[in-house]
């Protein structure tokens, strides 16, 4: 069964995707511009609940209770294992982002 996995902006109805209802007013969300619509919890600066969430560490508490995280987190999410298969380009960007973060924290 090949179920279409919605992007975070489709689930949250934030309107910050390209051409979205809030994109001009608030700007496009970094999850949309970076093509990481199934990985928004791992990106600094996303706008959730009308507030910029800041760094990944600062927003972690909010993200773990979010339906996007619950669906798409690669090890914990109900559809986390489907994301790398259906969205190989996004998965490569996600992995590069995690690797860069690890490098920045180790030296």
N, C-alpha and C. Protein backbone atom coordinates (compact mmCIF):
# COMPACT_ATOMS: atom_id res chain seq x y z
N UNK A 1 0.84 -1.18 0.00
CA UNK A 1 0.00 0.00 0.00
C UNK A 1 0.88 1.25 0.00
N UNK A 2 0.77 2.07 -0.99
CA UNK A 2 1.58 3.27 -1.12
C UNK A 2 0.74 4.49 -0.71
N UNK A 3 0.78 4.81 0.55
CA UNK A 3 0.04 5.94 1.08
C UNK A 3 0.85 7.20 0.91
N UNK A 4 0.23 8.27 0.43
CA UNK A 4 0.93 9.54 0.29
C UNK A 4 1.16 10.12 1.68
N UNK A 5 2.39 10.43 1.97
CA UNK A 5 2.73 11.03 3.25
C UNK A 5 2.69 12.55 3.12
N UNK A 6 1.79 13.18 3.83
CA UNK A 6 1.64 14.64 3.75
C UNK A 6 2.85 15.34 4.36
N UNK A 7 3.16 16.52 3.82
CA UNK A 7 4.19 17.38 4.40
C UNK A 7 3.66 18.00 5.69
N UNK A 8 4.56 18.50 6.51
CA UNK A 8 4.17 19.10 7.78
C UNK A 8 3.18 20.25 7.59
N UNK A 9 3.39 21.08 6.55
CA UNK A 9 2.50 22.22 6.34
C UNK A 9 1.10 21.79 5.92
N UNK A 10 1.00 20.59 5.33
CA UNK A 10 -0.33 20.07 5.00
C UNK A 10 -1.03 19.54 6.24
N UNK A 11 -0.28 19.00 7.15
CA UNK A 11 -0.84 18.47 8.40
C UNK A 11 -1.20 19.60 9.34
N UNK A 12 -0.31 20.57 9.48
CA UNK A 12 -0.50 21.66 10.44
C UNK A 12 -1.31 22.83 9.87
N UNK A 13 -1.51 22.87 8.56
CA UNK A 13 -2.27 23.94 7.90
C UNK A 13 -1.72 25.33 8.27
N UNK A 14 -0.40 25.45 8.24
CA UNK A 14 0.23 26.71 8.64
C UNK A 14 0.23 27.76 7.54
N UNK A 15 0.15 27.34 6.28
CA UNK A 15 0.13 28.28 5.17
C UNK A 15 1.46 28.89 4.83
N UNK A 16 2.56 28.32 5.34
CA UNK A 16 3.87 28.91 5.09
C UNK A 16 4.67 28.19 4.00
N UNK A 17 4.02 27.32 3.25
CA UNK A 17 4.66 26.69 2.11
C UNK A 17 4.64 27.67 0.94
N UNK A 18 5.38 27.40 -0.11
CA UNK A 18 5.41 28.25 -1.29
C UNK A 18 3.99 28.43 -1.82
N UNK A 19 3.56 29.67 -1.94
CA UNK A 19 2.21 29.97 -2.40
C UNK A 19 1.14 29.83 -1.34
N UNK A 20 1.54 29.52 -0.11
CA UNK A 20 0.58 29.33 0.98
C UNK A 20 -0.03 30.64 1.44
N UNK A 21 -1.11 30.55 2.18
CA UNK A 21 -1.88 31.72 2.60
C UNK A 21 -1.12 32.65 3.54
N UNK A 22 -0.10 32.17 4.23
CA UNK A 22 0.67 32.99 5.17
C UNK A 22 2.10 33.24 4.70
N UNK A 23 2.46 32.74 3.52
CA UNK A 23 3.85 32.84 3.05
C UNK A 23 4.30 34.28 2.85
N UNK A 24 3.44 35.14 2.35
CA UNK A 24 3.83 36.54 2.14
C UNK A 24 3.94 37.25 3.48
N UNK A 25 2.97 37.04 4.35
CA UNK A 25 2.94 37.71 5.65
C UNK A 25 4.07 37.26 6.57
N UNK A 26 4.30 35.95 6.66
CA UNK A 26 5.25 35.39 7.62
C UNK A 26 6.52 34.84 6.99
N UNK A 27 6.52 34.73 5.67
CA UNK A 27 7.65 34.13 4.98
C UNK A 27 7.46 32.63 4.85
N UNK A 28 8.17 32.06 3.89
CA UNK A 28 8.11 30.61 3.72
C UNK A 28 8.89 29.94 4.85
N UNK A 29 8.35 28.87 5.34
CA UNK A 29 9.00 28.11 6.41
C UNK A 29 10.24 27.42 5.87
N UNK A 30 11.25 27.34 6.70
CA UNK A 30 12.50 26.68 6.32
C UNK A 30 12.26 25.21 5.97
N UNK A 31 11.28 24.56 6.59
CA UNK A 31 10.98 23.17 6.24
C UNK A 31 10.54 23.07 4.78
N UNK A 32 9.76 24.06 4.32
CA UNK A 32 9.31 24.07 2.93
C UNK A 32 10.43 24.46 1.98
N UNK A 33 11.19 25.49 2.30
CA UNK A 33 12.24 25.94 1.40
C UNK A 33 13.37 24.93 1.28
N UNK A 34 13.61 24.18 2.33
CA UNK A 34 14.68 23.18 2.32
C UNK A 34 14.20 21.80 1.89
N UNK A 35 12.91 21.65 1.60
CA UNK A 35 12.38 20.36 1.18
C UNK A 35 12.42 19.32 2.28
N UNK A 36 12.11 19.75 3.51
CA UNK A 36 12.15 18.85 4.66
C UNK A 36 10.78 18.78 5.36
N UNK A 37 9.75 18.58 4.57
CA UNK A 37 8.39 18.57 5.09
C UNK A 37 8.01 17.37 5.93
N UNK A 38 8.91 16.40 6.05
CA UNK A 38 8.68 15.25 6.91
C UNK A 38 9.74 15.20 8.02
N UNK A 39 10.44 16.32 8.20
CA UNK A 39 11.56 16.37 9.15
C UNK A 39 11.62 17.70 9.89
N UNK A 40 10.51 18.40 9.99
CA UNK A 40 10.50 19.76 10.52
C UNK A 40 11.01 19.86 11.96
N UNK A 41 10.82 18.82 12.76
CA UNK A 41 11.28 18.86 14.15
C UNK A 41 12.80 18.96 14.25
N UNK A 42 13.49 18.59 13.20
CA UNK A 42 14.96 18.57 13.22
C UNK A 42 15.57 19.86 12.67
N UNK A 43 14.73 20.87 12.40
CA UNK A 43 15.18 22.11 11.78
C UNK A 43 14.94 23.29 12.72
N UNK A 44 15.94 24.11 12.89
CA UNK A 44 15.79 25.33 13.68
C UNK A 44 14.95 26.34 12.91
N UNK A 45 14.16 27.11 13.64
CA UNK A 45 13.46 28.25 13.05
C UNK A 45 12.12 27.97 12.42
N UNK A 46 11.56 26.78 12.61
CA UNK A 46 10.22 26.55 12.08
C UNK A 46 9.21 27.35 12.89
N UNK A 47 8.08 27.62 12.31
CA UNK A 47 7.04 28.41 12.97
C UNK A 47 5.90 27.47 13.34
N UNK A 48 5.74 27.21 14.61
CA UNK A 48 4.68 26.33 15.08
C UNK A 48 3.84 27.07 16.12
N UNK A 49 2.56 26.97 15.97
CA UNK A 49 1.66 27.65 16.89
C UNK A 49 1.80 29.16 16.83
N UNK A 50 2.23 29.68 15.68
CA UNK A 50 2.36 31.12 15.51
C UNK A 50 3.63 31.71 16.08
N UNK A 51 4.54 30.87 16.57
CA UNK A 51 5.77 31.34 17.19
C UNK A 51 6.97 30.64 16.57
N UNK A 52 8.01 31.42 16.25
CA UNK A 52 9.25 30.81 15.77
C UNK A 52 9.82 29.98 16.92
N UNK A 53 10.13 28.74 16.63
CA UNK A 53 10.51 27.79 17.66
C UNK A 53 11.98 27.84 18.06
N UNK A 54 12.83 28.52 17.32
CA UNK A 54 14.23 28.65 17.71
C UNK A 54 15.04 27.42 17.35
N UNK A 55 16.06 27.15 18.17
CA UNK A 55 16.97 26.04 17.90
C UNK A 55 16.25 24.70 18.08
N UNK A 56 16.87 23.66 17.60
CA UNK A 56 16.30 22.33 17.74
C UNK A 56 16.16 21.98 19.22
N UNK A 57 17.16 22.30 20.02
CA UNK A 57 17.09 22.02 21.46
C UNK A 57 15.96 22.80 22.13
N UNK A 58 15.77 24.05 21.73
CA UNK A 58 14.73 24.88 22.33
C UNK A 58 13.33 24.38 21.99
N UNK A 59 13.14 23.80 20.83
CA UNK A 59 11.81 23.40 20.41
C UNK A 59 11.51 21.92 20.65
N UNK A 60 12.47 21.18 21.15
CA UNK A 60 12.32 19.73 21.32
C UNK A 60 11.07 19.36 22.13
N UNK A 61 10.80 20.06 23.21
CA UNK A 61 9.65 19.74 24.06
C UNK A 61 8.34 19.84 23.28
N UNK A 62 8.19 20.88 22.47
CA UNK A 62 6.98 21.04 21.67
C UNK A 62 6.89 19.99 20.56
N UNK A 63 8.00 19.67 19.97
CA UNK A 63 7.99 18.77 18.81
C UNK A 63 7.62 17.33 19.19
N UNK A 64 8.08 16.85 20.32
CA UNK A 64 7.79 15.45 20.66
C UNK A 64 6.30 15.20 20.88
N UNK A 65 5.54 16.26 21.13
CA UNK A 65 4.09 16.13 21.30
C UNK A 65 3.32 16.45 20.02
N UNK A 66 4.03 16.66 18.91
CA UNK A 66 3.41 17.07 17.65
C UNK A 66 3.09 15.84 16.77
N UNK A 67 1.98 15.91 16.06
CA UNK A 67 1.59 14.79 15.20
C UNK A 67 2.56 14.55 14.06
N UNK A 68 3.27 15.57 13.60
CA UNK A 68 4.25 15.37 12.52
C UNK A 68 5.42 14.53 13.06
N UNK A 69 5.92 14.87 14.22
CA UNK A 69 6.99 14.09 14.87
C UNK A 69 6.51 12.66 15.11
N UNK A 70 5.30 12.53 15.64
CA UNK A 70 4.76 11.20 15.95
C UNK A 70 4.61 10.34 14.69
N UNK A 71 4.39 10.96 13.56
CA UNK A 71 4.28 10.22 12.29
C UNK A 71 5.63 9.92 11.66
N UNK A 72 6.53 10.93 11.62
CA UNK A 72 7.68 10.85 10.74
C UNK A 72 9.04 10.73 11.40
N UNK A 73 9.12 10.77 12.72
CA UNK A 73 10.43 10.56 13.34
C UNK A 73 10.94 9.20 12.87
N UNK A 74 12.19 9.15 12.44
CA UNK A 74 12.70 7.97 11.75
C UNK A 74 12.69 6.69 12.60
N UNK A 75 12.86 6.79 13.90
CA UNK A 75 12.84 5.58 14.72
C UNK A 75 11.58 5.43 15.55
N UNK A 76 10.92 6.53 15.90
CA UNK A 76 9.76 6.48 16.78
C UNK A 76 8.42 6.66 16.06
N UNK A 77 8.44 7.24 14.89
CA UNK A 77 7.22 7.60 14.20
C UNK A 77 6.48 6.43 13.55
N UNK A 78 5.17 6.56 13.48
CA UNK A 78 4.34 5.51 12.89
C UNK A 78 4.63 5.31 11.40
N UNK A 79 5.12 6.33 10.71
CA UNK A 79 5.48 6.24 9.30
C UNK A 79 6.95 6.61 9.07
N UNK A 80 7.73 6.60 10.12
CA UNK A 80 9.13 7.02 10.03
C UNK A 80 9.98 6.20 9.08
N UNK A 81 9.70 4.92 8.97
CA UNK A 81 10.49 4.07 8.07
C UNK A 81 10.09 4.26 6.61
N UNK A 82 8.92 4.85 6.36
CA UNK A 82 8.46 5.08 4.99
C UNK A 82 9.10 6.32 4.37
N UNK A 83 9.47 7.29 5.19
CA UNK A 83 10.00 8.55 4.68
C UNK A 83 11.26 8.33 3.83
N UNK A 84 12.27 7.59 4.32
CA UNK A 84 13.47 7.41 3.50
C UNK A 84 13.20 6.69 2.18
N UNK A 85 12.22 5.82 2.16
CA UNK A 85 11.88 5.07 0.95
C UNK A 85 11.16 5.95 -0.05
N UNK A 86 10.17 6.72 0.42
CA UNK A 86 9.36 7.53 -0.48
C UNK A 86 9.99 8.87 -0.83
N UNK A 87 10.90 9.35 0.00
CA UNK A 87 11.49 10.68 -0.19
C UNK A 87 13.00 10.62 -0.03
N UNK A 88 13.64 9.94 -0.96
CA UNK A 88 15.10 9.73 -0.88
C UNK A 88 15.87 11.05 -0.87
N UNK A 89 15.44 12.03 -1.66
CA UNK A 89 16.13 13.33 -1.68
C UNK A 89 16.02 14.02 -0.33
N UNK A 90 14.83 14.00 0.24
CA UNK A 90 14.67 14.60 1.57
C UNK A 90 15.52 13.87 2.60
N UNK A 91 15.57 12.57 2.52
CA UNK A 91 16.34 11.79 3.47
C UNK A 91 17.82 12.13 3.38
N UNK A 92 18.33 12.36 2.18
CA UNK A 92 19.72 12.77 2.03
C UNK A 92 19.96 14.13 2.68
N UNK A 93 19.05 15.08 2.47
CA UNK A 93 19.18 16.40 3.10
C UNK A 93 19.11 16.29 4.62
N UNK A 94 18.19 15.49 5.10
CA UNK A 94 18.03 15.26 6.54
C UNK A 94 19.32 14.68 7.14
N UNK A 95 19.87 13.68 6.49
CA UNK A 95 21.10 13.05 7.00
C UNK A 95 22.29 14.01 6.94
N UNK A 96 22.40 14.82 5.88
CA UNK A 96 23.47 15.82 5.82
C UNK A 96 23.33 16.84 6.94
N UNK A 97 22.11 17.24 7.23
CA UNK A 97 21.85 18.19 8.30
C UNK A 97 22.26 17.61 9.65
N UNK A 98 21.91 16.36 9.90
CA UNK A 98 22.29 15.72 11.16
C UNK A 98 23.80 15.56 11.27
N UNK A 99 24.44 15.20 10.17
CA UNK A 99 25.90 15.05 10.17
C UNK A 99 26.58 16.39 10.45
N UNK A 100 26.10 17.46 9.83
CA UNK A 100 26.67 18.79 10.06
C UNK A 100 26.49 19.20 11.52
N UNK A 101 25.34 18.89 12.08
CA UNK A 101 25.08 19.22 13.49
C UNK A 101 26.04 18.46 14.40
N UNK A 102 26.27 17.18 14.09
CA UNK A 102 27.20 16.39 14.90
C UNK A 102 28.62 16.95 14.80
N UNK A 103 29.03 17.35 13.61
CA UNK A 103 30.37 17.91 13.41
C UNK A 103 30.53 19.23 14.19
N UNK A 104 29.49 20.05 14.18
CA UNK A 104 29.54 21.31 14.90
C UNK A 104 29.63 21.12 16.41
N UNK A 105 29.09 20.02 16.91
CA UNK A 105 29.11 19.78 18.35
C UNK A 105 30.37 19.06 18.81
N UNK A 106 31.11 18.47 17.87
CA UNK A 106 32.31 17.72 18.27
C UNK A 106 33.60 18.46 18.01
N UNK A 107 33.53 19.61 17.44
CA UNK A 107 34.79 20.31 17.29
C UNK A 107 34.84 21.17 16.15
